[in-house]
Amino acid sequence: MTANLHALGAIALWASLASLGLALRHVPPFLLTGIGLVLGSLPAWPLVRQWKVPASTLALGVYGLFGYHFLLFIALRLAPPVEANLVNYLWPLLIVVLAPVVLPGLRLRPVHIVAALMGFAGAGLAILSAGRGTAQATWHWGYLPALGSAFLWATYSLLTRRVPHFPTAAIGLFGLVSGALSLLCHWALEPSIDLSGRDWLLLTVMGLGPLGAAFFLWDKALKLGDARHIGILSYLTPLASTSLLLLVTGQGLSSGVVLAAVMIIGAAVVGTRAR
């Protein structure tokens, strides 16, 4: 239960990411990610002595935080954003399915597979409802980096259980290095812009929330809980994110989002109650 509460805390923070991103849509994506990750690492700076981790563990952290966002932003540039998001949200399903492959001592039961598929269907319905029926059945090369981002986040989340134990404070090091790499990408690939005071306020909220505290809560959840259960709970992320985005933009909740809520919550209940 403690692990699930930590996971739900991370999910609640990630739910605000799309709305904050909408308010900061004029900020280049690598600059947005870089500043957010560096600010998100700040709470762990007083615990810098706990940042001493093996190079392989640091590489895994950068693989997850930087690699995920890098591929996701590439996907959003190349493919229609609604469909790219849908492909990206395969990562909860991949966590559930890959958990017995990556982590010793776990078995995937049929109920986990059914719950995972139900949750993914609900997540897709929530995202497509936000698109107002604009989904297209055409191929875009941007789907490949979107799939890659889903695979990176799922495997990062699971592999943190396979590396030597590290304190959760070390997530601050992962975020700092990943943020520095994102800023380097901004310098090399994106135009420079001037940020307003409002921009910095929103960037601070984003950095300390969905690009900061959420990663610390997620790490604690993975250390304490069952990766299969946490993966199924993760389907709440696109539902909450899409619902908040619709409310912020004044569009209101659609019947599709309500149906998605029923499917996702049902999947989470079924999956987390399975032994």
Protein backbone atom coordinates (compact mmCIF):
# COMPACT_ATOMS: atom_id res chain seq x y z
CA MET A 1 0.00 0.00 0.00
CA THR A 2 2.86 2.40 0.79
CA ALA A 3 4.42 1.71 -2.60
CA ASN A 4 1.09 2.30 -4.35
CA LEU A 5 0.67 5.63 -2.53
CA HIS A 6 4.12 6.74 -3.69
CA ALA A 7 3.24 5.70 -7.24
CA LEU A 8 -0.07 7.57 -7.09
CA GLY A 9 1.79 10.67 -5.87
CA ALA A 10 4.10 10.51 -8.89
CA ILE A 11 1.12 9.95 -11.19
CA ALA A 12 -0.70 12.96 -9.72
CA LEU A 13 2.31 15.18 -10.39
CA TRP A 14 2.80 13.82 -13.92
CA ALA A 15 -0.86 14.59 -14.61
CA SER A 16 0.00 18.31 -14.58
CA LEU A 17 2.83 17.98 -17.10
CA ALA A 18 0.68 18.37 -20.23
CA SER A 19 -1.14 21.42 -18.87
CA LEU A 20 2.11 23.07 -17.81
CA GLY A 21 3.62 22.17 -21.17
CA LEU A 22 0.66 23.83 -22.90
CA ALA A 23 1.28 27.03 -20.96
CA LEU A 24 4.98 26.84 -21.92
CA ARG A 25 4.49 25.67 -25.50
CA HIS A 26 6.54 28.62 -26.78
CA VAL A 27 9.63 27.35 -24.93
CA PRO A 28 11.83 25.00 -27.02
CA PRO A 29 11.39 21.42 -25.73
CA PHE A 30 15.02 20.69 -24.86
CA LEU A 31 15.31 24.01 -23.00
CA LEU A 32 12.07 23.20 -21.19
CA THR A 33 13.30 19.74 -20.20
CA GLY A 34 16.79 20.90 -19.27
CA ILE A 35 15.67 23.67 -16.95
CA GLY A 36 12.95 21.47 -15.47
CA LEU A 37 15.30 18.57 -14.68
CA VAL A 38 17.99 20.82 -13.20
CA LEU A 39 15.41 22.56 -10.99
CA GLY A 40 13.94 19.17 -10.07
CA SER A 41 17.31 18.03 -8.77
CA LEU A 42 17.61 20.97 -6.35
CA PRO A 43 15.85 19.32 -3.34
CA ALA A 44 18.48 16.56 -3.38
CA TRP A 45 21.47 18.90 -3.41
CA PRO A 46 21.74 18.98 0.43
CA LEU A 47 22.08 15.16 0.22
CA VAL A 48 24.92 15.31 -2.30
CA ARG A 49 26.96 12.85 -0.19
CA GLN A 50 24.40 10.20 -1.14
CA TRP A 51 25.09 10.76 -4.83
CA LYS A 52 28.05 8.40 -4.81
CA VAL A 53 26.80 5.67 -7.12
CA PRO A 54 28.61 3.38 -9.57
CA ALA A 55 29.09 4.70 -13.08
CA SER A 56 26.76 2.00 -14.40
CA THR A 57 23.97 3.21 -12.09
CA LEU A 58 24.47 6.82 -13.19
CA ALA A 59 24.39 5.66 -16.81
CA LEU A 60 21.08 3.91 -16.13
CA GLY A 61 19.66 7.11 -14.61
CA VAL A 62 20.70 9.20 -17.62
CA TYR A 63 19.38 6.44 -19.90
CA GLY A 64 15.97 6.78 -18.26
CA LEU A 65 15.56 10.51 -17.61
CA PHE A 66 17.44 11.98 -20.57
CA GLY A 67 16.87 9.19 -23.11
CA TYR A 68 13.13 9.04 -22.47
CA HIS A 69 12.55 12.76 -22.91
CA PHE A 70 14.92 12.99 -25.90
CA LEU A 71 13.04 10.32 -27.86
CA LEU A 72 9.64 11.60 -26.77
CA PHE A 73 10.32 15.13 -28.01
CA ILE A 74 11.69 13.77 -31.29
CA ALA A 75 8.48 11.75 -31.69
CA LEU A 76 6.27 14.75 -30.99
CA ARG A 77 8.09 16.69 -33.69
CA LEU A 78 7.86 13.98 -36.35
CA ALA A 79 4.43 12.41 -35.72
CA PRO A 80 0.95 13.75 -34.87
CA PRO A 81 1.11 14.43 -31.12
CA VAL A 82 -2.07 12.54 -30.17
CA GLU A 83 -0.94 9.33 -31.85
CA ALA A 84 2.66 9.76 -30.64
CA ASN A 85 1.38 10.10 -27.08
CA LEU A 86 -0.69 6.96 -27.52
CA VAL A 87 2.38 4.99 -28.60
CA ASN A 88 4.43 6.50 -25.77
CA TYR A 89 1.86 5.33 -23.23
CA LEU A 90 2.75 1.75 -24.02
CA TRP A 91 5.27 2.05 -21.16
CA PRO A 92 2.85 0.95 -18.41
CA LEU A 93 1.97 -2.12 -20.47
CA LEU A 94 5.66 -2.82 -21.06
CA ILE A 95 6.37 -2.58 -17.32
CA VAL A 96 3.72 -5.19 -16.60
CA VAL A 97 4.77 -7.51 -19.42
CA LEU A 98 8.55 -7.16 -19.00
CA ALA A 99 8.60 -7.39 -15.19
CA PRO A 100 8.88 -11.22 -15.13
CA VAL A 101 11.59 -11.03 -17.82
CA VAL A 102 13.76 -8.43 -16.10
CA LEU A 103 13.09 -9.17 -12.43
CA PRO A 104 13.77 -12.61 -10.96
CA GLY A 105 11.06 -14.34 -8.96
CA LEU A 106 8.08 -12.75 -10.72
CA ARG A 107 5.51 -14.53 -12.87
CA LEU A 108 3.01 -12.94 -15.22
CA ARG A 109 -0.45 -14.37 -14.66
CA PRO A 110 -3.31 -14.12 -17.18
CA VAL A 111 -5.09 -11.61 -14.94
CA HIS A 112 -2.10 -9.26 -15.21
CA ILE A 113 -2.20 -9.48 -19.02
CA VAL A 114 -5.95 -8.84 -19.14
CA ALA A 115 -5.66 -5.88 -16.74
CA ALA A 116 -2.72 -4.45 -18.70
CA LEU A 117 -4.57 -4.62 -22.02
CA MET A 118 -7.72 -3.15 -20.48
CA GLY A 119 -5.71 -0.31 -18.98
CA PHE A 120 -3.92 0.41 -22.25
CA ALA A 121 -7.23 0.49 -24.12
CA GLY A 122 -8.57 2.97 -21.58
CA ALA A 123 -5.42 5.10 -21.83
CA GLY A 124 -5.73 5.17 -25.60
CA LEU A 125 -9.41 6.13 -25.37
CA ALA A 126 -8.57 8.99 -22.99
CA ILE A 127 -5.90 10.36 -25.33
CA LEU A 128 -7.97 9.98 -28.48
CA SER A 129 -10.93 11.66 -26.76
CA ALA A 130 -8.73 14.71 -26.26
CA GLY A 131 -7.93 14.63 -29.96
CA ARG A 132 -11.61 15.08 -30.81
CA GLY A 133 -11.51 12.22 -33.24
CA THR A 134 -8.48 13.50 -35.20
CA ALA A 135 -6.54 10.24 -35.02
CA GLN A 136 -5.29 9.08 -38.38
CA ALA A 137 -4.47 5.53 -39.43
CA THR A 138 -1.38 6.59 -41.39
CA TRP A 139 2.22 5.64 -40.71
CA HIS A 140 4.71 8.20 -39.41
CA TRP A 141 8.38 7.53 -38.71
CA GLY A 142 7.87 9.47 -35.48
CA TYR A 143 6.14 6.42 -34.04
CA LEU A 144 9.51 4.64 -33.81
CA PRO A 145 11.08 7.11 -31.33
CA ALA A 146 7.74 7.16 -29.45
CA LEU A 147 7.95 3.40 -29.09
CA GLY A 148 11.60 3.76 -28.12
CA SER A 149 10.72 6.25 -25.37
CA ALA A 150 8.13 3.83 -23.96
CA PHE A 151 10.69 1.01 -23.97
CA LEU A 152 13.33 3.21 -22.31
CA TRP A 153 11.09 4.30 -19.44
CA ALA A 154 9.75 0.79 -18.83
CA THR A 155 13.20 -0.82 -18.82
CA TYR A 156 14.69 1.99 -16.72
CA SER A 157 11.94 1.56 -14.14
CA LEU A 158 12.56 -2.19 -13.95
CA LEU A 159 16.36 -2.11 -14.13
CA THR A 160 16.59 0.16 -11.08
CA ARG A 161 15.74 -3.04 -9.18
CA ARG A 162 18.65 -4.92 -10.80
CA VAL A 163 21.52 -2.49 -10.15
CA PRO A 164 23.21 -2.23 -6.73
CA HIS A 165 20.93 -0.50 -4.25
CA PHE A 166 21.22 3.28 -4.36
CA PRO A 167 19.57 5.94 -2.17
CA THR A 168 16.60 7.74 -3.66
CA ALA A 169 18.51 11.01 -3.22
CA ALA A 170 20.74 9.89 -6.11
CA ILE A 171 17.81 10.62 -8.43
CA GLY A 172 18.94 14.23 -8.01
CA LEU A 173 22.23 13.36 -9.70
CA PHE A 174 20.38 11.61 -12.52
CA GLY A 175 18.21 14.69 -13.05
CA LEU A 176 21.14 17.12 -12.89
CA VAL A 177 23.22 15.25 -15.47
CA SER A 178 20.17 14.63 -17.69
CA GLY A 179 19.19 18.30 -17.46
CA ALA A 180 22.71 19.37 -18.44
CA LEU A 181 22.58 17.09 -21.50
CA SER A 182 19.17 18.52 -22.45
CA LEU A 183 20.54 22.06 -22.21
CA LEU A 184 23.46 20.99 -24.40
CA CYS A 185 20.94 19.71 -26.98
CA HIS A 186 19.11 23.04 -26.75
CA TRP A 187 22.35 24.93 -27.41
CA ALA A 188 23.16 22.74 -30.41
CA LEU A 189 19.71 22.24 -31.96
CA GLU A 190 17.27 24.96 -30.87
CA PRO A 191 17.02 28.76 -31.16
CA SER A 192 17.60 30.80 -28.02
CA ILE A 193 14.70 32.75 -26.50
CA ASP A 194 14.13 35.20 -23.67
CA LEU A 195 12.08 33.84 -20.77
CA SER A 196 9.63 36.03 -18.86
CA GLY A 197 9.01 36.04 -15.13
CA ARG A 198 5.84 34.01 -15.68
CA ASP A 199 7.83 31.49 -17.70
CA TRP A 200 10.31 31.04 -14.85
CA LEU A 201 7.47 30.62 -12.34
CA LEU A 202 5.85 27.88 -14.42
CA LEU A 203 9.23 26.26 -15.09
CA THR A 204 9.87 26.17 -11.34
CA VAL A 205 6.51 24.52 -10.69
CA MET A 206 7.19 22.00 -13.46
CA GLY A 207 10.73 21.34 -12.26
CA LEU A 208 9.86 20.81 -8.62
CA GLY A 209 6.76 18.76 -9.50
CA PRO A 210 6.44 16.49 -12.55
CA LEU A 211 10.13 16.76 -13.49
CA GLY A 212 11.40 16.59 -9.92
CA ALA A 213 9.46 15.23 -6.95
CA ALA A 214 7.63 12.75 -9.21
CA PHE A 215 10.88 10.93 -9.99
CA PHE A 216 11.76 10.61 -6.28
CA LEU A 217 8.28 9.23 -5.50
CA TRP A 218 8.48 6.86 -8.47
CA ASP A 219 11.83 5.50 -7.31
CA LYS A 220 10.48 4.88 -3.80
CA ALA A 221 7.45 3.10 -5.25
CA LEU A 222 9.61 0.81 -7.37
CA LYS A 223 11.88 0.00 -4.44
CA LEU A 224 8.97 -0.90 -2.15
CA GLY A 225 6.31 -2.38 -4.41
CA ASP A 226 5.39 -4.90 -7.08
CA ALA A 227 6.38 -3.62 -10.53
CA ARG A 228 3.38 -5.35 -12.13
CA HIS A 229 0.92 -3.54 -9.85
CA ILE A 230 2.70 -0.20 -10.29
CA GLY A 231 2.68 -0.62 -14.06
CA ILE A 232 -1.09 -1.10 -14.05
CA LEU A 233 -1.62 1.89 -11.74
CA SER A 234 0.41 3.94 -14.22
CA TYR A 235 -2.49 3.85 -16.66
CA LEU A 236 -4.03 6.55 -14.49
CA THR A 237 -1.38 8.97 -15.84
CA PRO A 238 -2.83 9.57 -19.33
CA LEU A 239 -6.35 9.61 -17.91
CA ALA A 240 -5.53 12.24 -15.28
CA SER A 241 -3.36 14.24 -17.68
CA THR A 242 -6.00 14.29 -20.43
CA SER A 243 -8.83 15.14 -18.02
CA LEU A 244 -6.89 18.04 -16.46
CA LEU A 245 -5.92 19.33 -19.89
CA LEU A 246 -9.56 19.31 -21.02
CA LEU A 247 -10.63 21.19 -17.87
CA VAL A 248 -7.84 23.76 -18.15
CA THR A 249 -8.70 24.47 -21.78
CA GLY A 250 -12.40 24.75 -20.90
CA GLN A 251 -13.51 21.81 -23.02
CA GLY A 252 -14.98 19.77 -20.16
CA LEU A 253 -15.04 16.02 -19.69
CA SER A 254 -16.29 13.98 -22.63
CA SER A 255 -18.12 10.66 -22.49
CA GLY A 256 -14.97 9.05 -23.89
CA VAL A 257 -12.90 10.23 -20.92
CA VAL A 258 -15.55 8.99 -18.48
CA LEU A 259 -15.56 5.57 -20.14
CA ALA A 260 -11.75 5.58 -20.08
CA ALA A 261 -11.86 6.27 -16.34
CA VAL A 262 -14.06 3.24 -15.74
CA MET A 263 -11.77 1.00 -17.82
CA ILE A 264 -8.54 2.23 -16.22
CA ILE A 265 -9.76 2.15 -12.63
CA GLY A 266 -11.23 -1.32 -13.24
CA ALA A 267 -7.91 -2.52 -14.66
CA ALA A 268 -6.00 -1.07 -11.71
CA VAL A 269 -8.31 -2.74 -9.18
CA VAL A 270 -8.17 -6.14 -10.92
CA GLY A 271 -4.43 -6.02 -11.49
CA THR A 272 -3.37 -4.84 -8.05
CA ARG A 273 -5.57 -7.37 -6.24
CA ALA A 274 -3.96 -10.29 -8.12
CA ARG A 275 -1.26 -12.09 -6.18
